[in-house]
Amino acid sequence: MLNVLTNGKIRIGAYSFPDRKKIALCVAEGNEIVICGYFTKLEKAEYFMDKLADLVGAEMEQESEQ
């Protein structure tokens, strides 16, 4: 599963791609996904996304795509 913050148009989240070993920090807008960095472990990605959600006062949305 993915951890994603969204405003309806832009999604920021930790994505898992089948052709990559590491979890990627991505920004998705429309049909474009930009990889901004990588996490070494799933736990680190979840921790980062939880703290980012706390920072901006948002709740985490769970997605199952890509």
N, C-alpha and C. Protein backbone atom coordinates (compact mmCIF):
# COMPACT_ATOMS: atom_id res chain seq x y z
N MET A 1 0.83 -1.18 0.00
CA MET A 1 0.00 0.00 0.00
C MET A 1 0.87 1.24 0.00
N LEU A 2 0.31 2.31 -0.44
CA LEU A 2 1.02 3.57 -0.52
C LEU A 2 0.51 4.54 0.52
N ASN A 3 1.38 5.39 0.96
CA ASN A 3 0.99 6.50 1.83
C ASN A 3 1.00 7.75 0.98
N VAL A 4 -0.14 8.44 0.92
CA VAL A 4 -0.27 9.57 0.00
C VAL A 4 -1.00 10.73 0.68
N LEU A 5 -0.45 11.94 0.48
CA LEU A 5 -1.15 13.17 0.84
C LEU A 5 -1.65 13.78 -0.46
N THR A 6 -2.88 14.27 -0.47
CA THR A 6 -3.41 14.83 -1.71
C THR A 6 -4.32 16.01 -1.44
N ASN A 7 -4.38 16.90 -2.43
CA ASN A 7 -5.35 17.99 -2.39
C ASN A 7 -6.38 17.82 -3.51
N GLY A 8 -6.36 16.66 -4.14
CA GLY A 8 -7.27 16.37 -5.24
C GLY A 8 -6.61 16.49 -6.60
N LYS A 9 -5.60 17.35 -6.71
CA LYS A 9 -4.89 17.53 -7.98
C LYS A 9 -3.45 17.04 -7.90
N ILE A 10 -2.82 17.26 -6.76
CA ILE A 10 -1.42 16.86 -6.56
C ILE A 10 -1.37 15.82 -5.45
N ARG A 11 -0.56 14.77 -5.68
CA ARG A 11 -0.36 13.74 -4.67
C ARG A 11 1.13 13.68 -4.33
N ILE A 12 1.44 13.66 -3.04
CA ILE A 12 2.81 13.47 -2.57
C ILE A 12 2.80 12.21 -1.74
N GLY A 13 3.71 11.31 -2.05
CA GLY A 13 3.67 10.07 -1.30
C GLY A 13 4.84 9.16 -1.48
N ALA A 14 4.80 8.08 -0.74
CA ALA A 14 5.79 7.02 -0.80
C ALA A 14 5.23 5.92 -1.70
N TYR A 15 5.86 5.73 -2.85
CA TYR A 15 5.38 4.78 -3.85
C TYR A 15 6.33 3.59 -3.97
N SER A 16 5.78 2.44 -4.23
CA SER A 16 6.56 1.24 -4.50
C SER A 16 6.38 0.88 -5.97
N PHE A 17 7.49 0.84 -6.72
CA PHE A 17 7.45 0.48 -8.13
C PHE A 17 8.02 -0.91 -8.32
N PRO A 18 7.44 -1.73 -9.17
CA PRO A 18 7.90 -3.11 -9.34
C PRO A 18 9.33 -3.22 -9.87
N ASP A 19 9.80 -2.20 -10.60
CA ASP A 19 11.15 -2.27 -11.17
C ASP A 19 12.21 -1.59 -10.30
N ARG A 20 11.85 -1.17 -9.09
CA ARG A 20 12.78 -0.51 -8.17
C ARG A 20 12.80 -1.27 -6.85
N LYS A 21 13.95 -1.36 -6.23
CA LYS A 21 14.08 -2.06 -4.95
C LYS A 21 13.62 -1.21 -3.78
N LYS A 22 13.83 0.10 -3.88
CA LYS A 22 13.53 0.99 -2.76
C LYS A 22 12.19 1.70 -2.95
N ILE A 23 11.62 2.14 -1.84
CA ILE A 23 10.40 2.94 -1.86
C ILE A 23 10.77 4.35 -2.31
N ALA A 24 10.01 4.93 -3.22
CA ALA A 24 10.32 6.24 -3.78
C ALA A 24 9.41 7.32 -3.21
N LEU A 25 10.01 8.48 -2.90
CA LEU A 25 9.25 9.66 -2.51
C LEU A 25 8.91 10.38 -3.81
N CYS A 26 7.62 10.52 -4.10
CA CYS A 26 7.18 11.04 -5.39
C CYS A 26 6.16 12.16 -5.25
N VAL A 27 6.14 12.98 -6.29
CA VAL A 27 5.10 13.99 -6.46
C VAL A 27 4.39 13.64 -7.76
N ALA A 28 3.08 13.44 -7.70
CA ALA A 28 2.30 13.08 -8.87
C ALA A 28 1.29 14.19 -9.16
N GLU A 29 1.28 14.63 -10.41
CA GLU A 29 0.34 15.65 -10.84
C GLU A 29 -0.14 15.26 -12.23
N GLY A 30 -1.44 15.05 -12.35
CA GLY A 30 -1.98 14.57 -13.63
C GLY A 30 -1.43 13.18 -13.91
N ASN A 31 -0.88 12.99 -15.11
CA ASN A 31 -0.31 11.70 -15.50
C ASN A 31 1.19 11.61 -15.26
N GLU A 32 1.78 12.62 -14.65
CA GLU A 32 3.22 12.68 -14.44
C GLU A 32 3.58 12.38 -12.99
N ILE A 33 4.58 11.51 -12.80
CA ILE A 33 5.10 11.20 -11.49
C ILE A 33 6.58 11.55 -11.49
N VAL A 34 6.99 12.40 -10.55
CA VAL A 34 8.39 12.79 -10.41
C VAL A 34 8.95 12.16 -9.16
N ILE A 35 10.01 11.39 -9.30
CA ILE A 35 10.67 10.77 -8.15
C ILE A 35 11.64 11.79 -7.56
N CYS A 36 11.45 12.09 -6.27
CA CYS A 36 12.28 13.09 -5.60
C CYS A 36 13.35 12.48 -4.71
N GLY A 37 13.21 11.22 -4.38
CA GLY A 37 14.19 10.55 -3.52
C GLY A 37 13.74 9.14 -3.20
N TYR A 38 14.57 8.45 -2.43
CA TYR A 38 14.29 7.06 -2.07
C TYR A 38 14.42 6.85 -0.58
N PHE A 39 13.66 5.90 -0.07
CA PHE A 39 13.75 5.47 1.31
C PHE A 39 14.44 4.11 1.36
N THR A 40 15.22 3.87 2.41
CA THR A 40 15.93 2.60 2.52
C THR A 40 15.03 1.49 3.04
N LYS A 41 13.99 1.86 3.81
CA LYS A 41 13.08 0.87 4.37
C LYS A 41 11.66 1.40 4.34
N LEU A 42 10.70 0.49 4.27
CA LEU A 42 9.28 0.84 4.28
C LEU A 42 8.92 1.60 5.55
N GLU A 43 9.48 1.18 6.67
CA GLU A 43 9.19 1.85 7.94
C GLU A 43 9.60 3.32 7.92
N LYS A 44 10.73 3.61 7.27
CA LYS A 44 11.21 4.99 7.17
C LYS A 44 10.26 5.82 6.30
N ALA A 45 9.75 5.22 5.24
CA ALA A 45 8.80 5.91 4.36
C ALA A 45 7.51 6.22 5.11
N GLU A 46 7.01 5.25 5.86
CA GLU A 46 5.79 5.45 6.64
C GLU A 46 6.00 6.52 7.70
N TYR A 47 7.14 6.50 8.37
CA TYR A 47 7.46 7.49 9.40
C TYR A 47 7.48 8.89 8.78
N PHE A 48 8.18 9.04 7.65
CA PHE A 48 8.26 10.34 6.99
C PHE A 48 6.88 10.86 6.60
N MET A 49 6.08 10.01 5.98
CA MET A 49 4.76 10.44 5.53
C MET A 49 3.86 10.80 6.71
N ASP A 50 3.94 10.06 7.81
CA ASP A 50 3.15 10.38 9.00
C ASP A 50 3.55 11.74 9.56
N LYS A 51 4.85 12.00 9.63
CA LYS A 51 5.34 13.28 10.16
C LYS A 51 4.98 14.43 9.22
N LEU A 52 5.05 14.20 7.91
CA LEU A 52 4.66 15.23 6.95
C LEU A 52 3.18 15.55 7.09
N ALA A 53 2.36 14.53 7.27
CA ALA A 53 0.92 14.74 7.46
C ALA A 53 0.66 15.54 8.73
N ASP A 54 1.39 15.21 9.82
CA ASP A 54 1.25 15.97 11.06
C ASP A 54 1.63 17.43 10.84
N LEU A 55 2.70 17.66 10.10
CA LEU A 55 3.20 19.01 9.86
C LEU A 55 2.18 19.88 9.14
N VAL A 56 1.54 19.33 8.13
CA VAL A 56 0.60 20.11 7.33
C VAL A 56 -0.85 19.98 7.82
N GLY A 57 -1.05 19.20 8.87
CA GLY A 57 -2.39 19.06 9.44
C GLY A 57 -3.33 18.24 8.57
N ALA A 58 -2.78 17.27 7.86
CA ALA A 58 -3.59 16.42 6.98
C ALA A 58 -3.69 15.01 7.54
N GLU A 59 -4.62 14.25 6.98
CA GLU A 59 -4.73 12.83 7.32
C GLU A 59 -4.22 12.01 6.16
N MET A 60 -3.62 10.89 6.48
CA MET A 60 -3.04 10.02 5.47
C MET A 60 -4.13 9.31 4.69
N GLU A 61 -3.94 9.20 3.40
CA GLU A 61 -4.86 8.47 2.52
C GLU A 61 -4.13 7.23 2.05
N GLN A 62 -4.78 6.07 2.14
CA GLN A 62 -4.17 4.82 1.68
C GLN A 62 -4.61 4.55 0.27
N GLU A 63 -3.63 4.26 -0.61
CA GLU A 63 -3.94 3.92 -2.01
C GLU A 63 -3.31 2.57 -2.31
N SER A 64 -3.84 1.90 -3.31
CA SER A 64 -3.29 0.60 -3.69
C SER A 64 -2.79 0.57 -5.12
N GLU A 65 -2.79 1.70 -5.82
CA GLU A 65 -2.26 1.74 -7.18
C GLU A 65 -0.79 2.05 -7.15
N GLN A 66 -0.08 1.67 -8.18
CA GLN A 66 1.35 1.89 -8.37
C GLN A 66 2.08 1.91 -7.09
